Every structure is written in structure tokens, then in C-alpha cells.
Amino acid sequence: MYNTGEGAAIYPGSNLAIYKVYKHQGVHIASVTGSSVFYSNPMYVPQHAIDGDTMTFFHSDSLDMEPWLSLVLREPVMVNTVRIYPDFTHSKRLVRFKNVEIRVGMNPPVGADATMNPFFAFYAGPYDNSSW
């Protein structure tokens, strides 16, 4: 998630999401949750979606037909761009990367329902090299 420099001063750079472990005055400034984790494997936990490492990632359970990921920042910021990268190492995962709805707002989701927040973007997918 990227901002224009407006909003909270506690975020030290423009890529807001990678600061999940960054602390301001001893307090974590972001939290992340997901709908499920692939085989409950700690390699695929939601925190990996925002750790800044392109070799780690969040992977929902393959039986989860409506997977979601929620990032909650501690204070409001202006969001201009959200970048989501699929797992390029496995073609089956690329096929699942479709119908991605992004909502940005001040309200935490209730379960899988984030419709109380304004629609931001949609990616129909499935992913292919021409999208890159």
C-alpha cells in the first residue's frame, strides 16, 4: 500500500504495508489477518503478505472459496496504490489468483465482509504474463 506522504507521520516511508513489525513508541502500527492458512503451515501466514520479502507470501487454504486478507493500520493515511503479487512459482496458484476485490476504508471487516468500506479496485484475472 502506498501513500503520497499525507496522513500519519509515524509511517517512515511510502510503502506502508511492510512496516507491520515497525514500532512507534513501543506499539505495533499495523496488524494483518487472513481467512485461512494453507494446511495451517506457518510458512503461509498472513504476516508474510506484508513483510517486504518477495520470497514469502500469504496462502489461504485451497478449500477456502472466498479467501480474504485484512491489513489494519493504527491511524488514517491516504492510499493511492495497492500492489498484490501472486505466487509465480506454482501455476495452480496463478489460476486461483482471480476476482480480487480491494476495499480501503476505516472499518475493520466483519469476518469476510468488508463491504462497509469503499470499493478501491478489482482484478478479474486469472493472472497471465501479459498482465505484468
C-alpha atoms as a PDB file:
ATOM      1  CA  MET A   1       0.000   0.000   0.000  1.00  0.00           C
ATOM      2  CA  TYR A   2       1.443   3.336  -0.971  1.00  0.00           C
ATOM      3  CA  ASN A   3       0.598   6.868   0.056  1.00  0.00           C
ATOM      4  CA  THR A   4       1.516  10.351  -1.103  1.00  0.00           C
ATOM      5  CA  GLY A   5       3.164  11.409   2.113  1.00  0.00           C
ATOM      6  CA  GLU A   6      -0.108  12.659   3.545  1.00  0.00           C
ATOM      7  CA  GLY A   7      -1.606  11.241   6.695  1.00  0.00           C
ATOM      8  CA  ALA A   8       0.245   9.674   9.572  1.00  0.00           C
ATOM      9  CA  ALA A   9       3.771  10.780  10.311  1.00  0.00           C
ATOM     10  CA  ILE A  10       4.596   7.537  12.150  1.00  0.00           C
ATOM     11  CA  TYR A  11       4.985   5.591   8.878  1.00  0.00           C
ATOM     12  CA  PRO A  12       8.639   6.050   7.939  1.00  0.00           C
ATOM     13  CA  GLY A  13       8.256   5.550   4.169  1.00  0.00           C
ATOM     14  CA  SER A  14       5.826   5.382   1.340  1.00  0.00           C
ATOM     15  CA  ASN A  15       5.328   1.575   1.436  1.00  0.00           C
ATOM     16  CA  LEU A  16       3.036   1.367   4.429  1.00  0.00           C
ATOM     17  CA  ALA A  17       2.379  -2.357   4.476  1.00  0.00           C
ATOM     18  CA  ILE A  18       5.949  -3.524   5.076  1.00  0.00           C
ATOM     19  CA  TYR A  19       6.035  -1.829   8.453  1.00  0.00           C
ATOM     20  CA  LYS A  20       3.969  -4.464  10.234  1.00  0.00           C
ATOM     21  CA  VAL A  21       6.818  -5.037  12.667  1.00  0.00           C
ATOM     22  CA  TYR A  22       7.770  -1.366  12.903  1.00  0.00           C
ATOM     23  CA  LYS A  23       7.018   0.069  16.319  1.00  0.00           C
ATOM     24  CA  HIS A  24       6.219   3.651  17.182  1.00  0.00           C
ATOM     25  CA  GLN A  25       6.698   4.403  20.861  1.00  0.00           C
ATOM     26  CA  GLY A  26       6.715   0.657  21.557  1.00  0.00           C
ATOM     27  CA  VAL A  27       3.412  -0.083  19.774  1.00  0.00           C
ATOM     28  CA  HIS A  28       2.993  -2.099  16.560  1.00  0.00           C
ATOM     29  CA  ILE A  29       1.470   0.209  13.960  1.00  0.00           C
ATOM     30  CA  ALA A  30      -0.240  -2.421  11.803  1.00  0.00           C
ATOM     31  CA  SER A  31      -1.866  -5.813  12.106  1.00  0.00           C
ATOM     32  CA  VAL A  32      -2.816  -8.335   9.447  1.00  0.00           C
ATOM     33  CA  THR A  33      -5.278 -11.234   9.457  1.00  0.00           C
ATOM     34  CA  GLY A  34      -6.457 -13.701   6.836  1.00  0.00           C
ATOM     35  CA  SER A  35      -9.391 -16.014   6.268  1.00  0.00           C
ATOM     36  CA  SER A  36      -7.368 -19.245   6.498  1.00  0.00           C
ATOM     37  CA  VAL A  37      -3.838 -20.598   6.157  1.00  0.00           C
ATOM     38  CA  PHE A  38      -2.826 -23.322   3.697  1.00  0.00           C
ATOM     39  CA  TYR A  39      -2.639 -26.568   5.740  1.00  0.00           C
ATOM     40  CA  SER A  40      -2.104 -24.381   8.846  1.00  0.00           C
ATOM     41  CA  ASN A  41       1.513 -24.120   7.691  1.00  0.00           C
ATOM     42  CA  PRO A  42       3.436 -21.246   9.362  1.00  0.00           C
ATOM     43  CA  MET A  43       5.212 -20.624   6.035  1.00  0.00           C
ATOM     44  CA  TYR A  44       1.960 -19.142   4.645  1.00  0.00           C
ATOM     45  CA  VAL A  45       0.646 -16.956   7.475  1.00  0.00           C
ATOM     46  CA  PRO A  46      -0.922 -13.539   6.654  1.00  0.00           C
ATOM     47  CA  GLN A  47       2.053 -11.656   8.118  1.00  0.00           C
ATOM     48  CA  HIS A  48       4.127 -12.834   5.155  1.00  0.00           C
ATOM     49  CA  ALA A  49       1.919 -10.790   2.817  1.00  0.00           C
ATOM     50  CA  ILE A  50       3.355  -7.588   4.250  1.00  0.00           C
ATOM     51  CA  ASP A  51       6.864  -8.469   5.395  1.00  0.00           C
ATOM     52  CA  GLY A  52       8.568  -6.880   2.393  1.00  0.00           C
ATOM     53  CA  ASP A  53      10.145 -10.196   1.357  1.00  0.00           C
ATOM     54  CA  THR A  54       9.076 -11.353  -2.111  1.00  0.00           C
ATOM     55  CA  MET A  55      10.152 -14.902  -1.248  1.00  0.00           C
ATOM     56  CA  THR A  56       7.469 -15.240   1.450  1.00  0.00           C
ATOM     57  CA  PHE A  57       3.722 -14.950   0.944  1.00  0.00           C
ATOM     58  CA  PHE A  58       0.272 -15.470   2.411  1.00  0.00           C
ATOM     59  CA  HIS A  59      -1.547 -18.531   1.068  1.00  0.00           C
ATOM     60  CA  SER A  60      -5.127 -19.272   2.037  1.00  0.00           C
ATOM     61  CA  ASP A  61      -6.332 -22.831   2.309  1.00  0.00           C
ATOM     62  CA  SER A  62      -7.086 -24.359  -1.097  1.00  0.00           C
ATOM     63  CA  LEU A  63     -10.632 -25.202   0.083  1.00  0.00           C
ATOM     64  CA  ASP A  64     -11.284 -21.562   1.048  1.00  0.00           C
ATOM     65  CA  MET A  65     -13.512 -20.364  -1.801  1.00  0.00           C
ATOM     66  CA  GLU A  66     -13.658 -16.741  -0.597  1.00  0.00           C
ATOM     67  CA  PRO A  67     -10.219 -16.019   0.865  1.00  0.00           C
ATOM     68  CA  TRP A  68      -9.513 -12.581   2.297  1.00  0.00           C
ATOM     69  CA  LEU A  69      -6.686 -10.615   3.826  1.00  0.00           C
ATOM     70  CA  SER A  70      -7.109  -7.606   6.089  1.00  0.00           C
ATOM     71  CA  LEU A  71      -4.464  -5.021   6.941  1.00  0.00           C
ATOM     72  CA  VAL A  72      -5.331  -2.628   9.745  1.00  0.00           C
ATOM     73  CA  LEU A  73      -3.172   0.458  10.278  1.00  0.00           C
ATOM     74  CA  ARG A  74      -3.328   2.331  13.568  1.00  0.00           C
ATOM     75  CA  GLU A  75      -4.199   5.692  12.061  1.00  0.00           C
ATOM     76  CA  PRO A  76      -5.612   7.067   8.794  1.00  0.00           C
ATOM     77  CA  VAL A  77      -3.429   7.510   5.714  1.00  0.00           C
ATOM     78  CA  MET A  78      -4.100   8.426   2.099  1.00  0.00           C
ATOM     79  CA  VAL A  79      -3.876   5.307  -0.066  1.00  0.00           C
ATOM     80  CA  ASN A  80      -3.128   5.703  -3.775  1.00  0.00           C
ATOM     81  CA  THR A  81      -1.899   2.252  -4.789  1.00  0.00           C
ATOM     82  CA  VAL A  82      -2.266  -1.316  -3.574  1.00  0.00           C
ATOM     83  CA  ARG A  83       0.095  -3.882  -5.074  1.00  0.00           C
ATOM     84  CA  ILE A  84      -0.629  -7.583  -4.780  1.00  0.00           C
ATOM     85  CA  TYR A  85       1.813 -10.082  -6.230  1.00  0.00           C
ATOM     86  CA  PRO A  86       0.721 -13.661  -6.929  1.00  0.00           C
ATOM     87  CA  ASP A  87       2.965 -16.638  -6.254  1.00  0.00           C
ATOM     88  CA  PHE A  88       4.786 -17.084  -9.566  1.00  0.00           C
ATOM     89  CA  THR A  89       6.372 -20.397  -8.551  1.00  0.00           C
ATOM     90  CA  HIS A  90       3.294 -22.570  -8.948  1.00  0.00           C
ATOM     91  CA  SER A  91       0.934 -22.412 -11.947  1.00  0.00           C
ATOM     92  CA  LYS A  92      -2.049 -23.756  -9.962  1.00  0.00           C
ATOM     93  CA  ARG A  93      -1.788 -20.799  -7.613  1.00  0.00           C
ATOM     94  CA  LEU A  94      -1.737 -18.362 -10.530  1.00  0.00           C
ATOM     95  CA  VAL A  95      -5.031 -19.781 -11.794  1.00  0.00           C
ATOM     96  CA  ARG A  96      -6.605 -19.140  -8.369  1.00  0.00           C
ATOM     97  CA  PHE A  97      -5.454 -15.513  -8.454  1.00  0.00           C
ATOM     98  CA  LYS A  98      -8.678 -14.007  -9.803  1.00  0.00           C
ATOM     99  CA  ASN A  99     -11.682 -11.958  -8.769  1.00  0.00           C
ATOM    100  CA  VAL A 100      -9.591  -9.922  -6.330  1.00  0.00           C
ATOM    101  CA  GLU A 101     -11.615  -7.116  -4.780  1.00  0.00           C
ATOM    102  CA  ILE A 102      -9.784  -4.393  -2.888  1.00  0.00           C
ATOM    103  CA  ARG A 103     -11.557  -2.146  -0.416  1.00  0.00           C
ATOM    104  CA  VAL A 104      -9.921   0.643   1.557  1.00  0.00           C
ATOM    105  CA  GLY A 105     -11.609   2.271   4.494  1.00  0.00           C
ATOM    106  CA  MET A 106     -11.725   2.954   8.193  1.00  0.00           C
ATOM    107  CA  ASN A 107     -13.841  -0.036   9.222  1.00  0.00           C
ATOM    108  CA  PRO A 108     -12.307  -3.421  10.043  1.00  0.00           C
ATOM    109  CA  PRO A 109     -14.046  -6.273   8.201  1.00  0.00           C
ATOM    110  CA  VAL A 110     -16.610  -8.419   9.956  1.00  0.00           C
ATOM    111  CA  GLY A 111     -15.415 -11.905   9.078  1.00  0.00           C
ATOM    112  CA  ALA A 112     -15.131 -11.937   5.277  1.00  0.00           C
ATOM    113  CA  ASP A 113     -17.448  -8.934   4.865  1.00  0.00           C
ATOM    114  CA  ALA A 114     -15.603  -5.691   4.095  1.00  0.00           C
ATOM    115  CA  THR A 115     -18.424  -4.141   2.076  1.00  0.00           C
ATOM    116  CA  MET A 116     -18.798  -1.333   4.615  1.00  0.00           C
ATOM    117  CA  ASN A 117     -15.606   0.145   3.136  1.00  0.00           C
ATOM    118  CA  PRO A 118     -15.482   1.864  -0.255  1.00  0.00           C
ATOM    119  CA  PHE A 119     -14.527  -0.152  -3.316  1.00  0.00           C
ATOM    120  CA  PHE A 120     -10.941   0.652  -4.399  1.00  0.00           C
ATOM    121  CA  ALA A 121     -10.040  -1.742  -7.229  1.00  0.00           C
ATOM    122  CA  PHE A 122     -10.820  -5.086  -8.827  1.00  0.00           C
ATOM    123  CA  TYR A 123      -8.607  -7.613 -10.608  1.00  0.00           C
ATOM    124  CA  ALA A 124     -10.564 -10.111 -12.728  1.00  0.00           C
ATOM    125  CA  GLY A 125      -7.667 -12.447 -13.512  1.00  0.00           C
ATOM    126  CA  PRO A 126      -6.643 -15.150 -13.774  1.00  0.00           C
ATOM    127  CA  TYR A 127      -3.070 -13.969 -13.862  1.00  0.00           C
ATOM    128  CA  ASP A 128      -1.011 -14.361 -17.029  1.00  0.00           C
ATOM    129  CA  ASN A 129       2.273 -12.866 -18.203  1.00  0.00           C
ATOM    130  CA  SER A 130       0.515 -10.187 -20.281  1.00  0.00           C
ATOM    131  CA  SER A 131      -0.788  -8.649 -17.029  1.00  0.00           C
ATOM    132  CA  TRP A 132       2.689  -7.967 -15.688  1.00  0.00           C
END
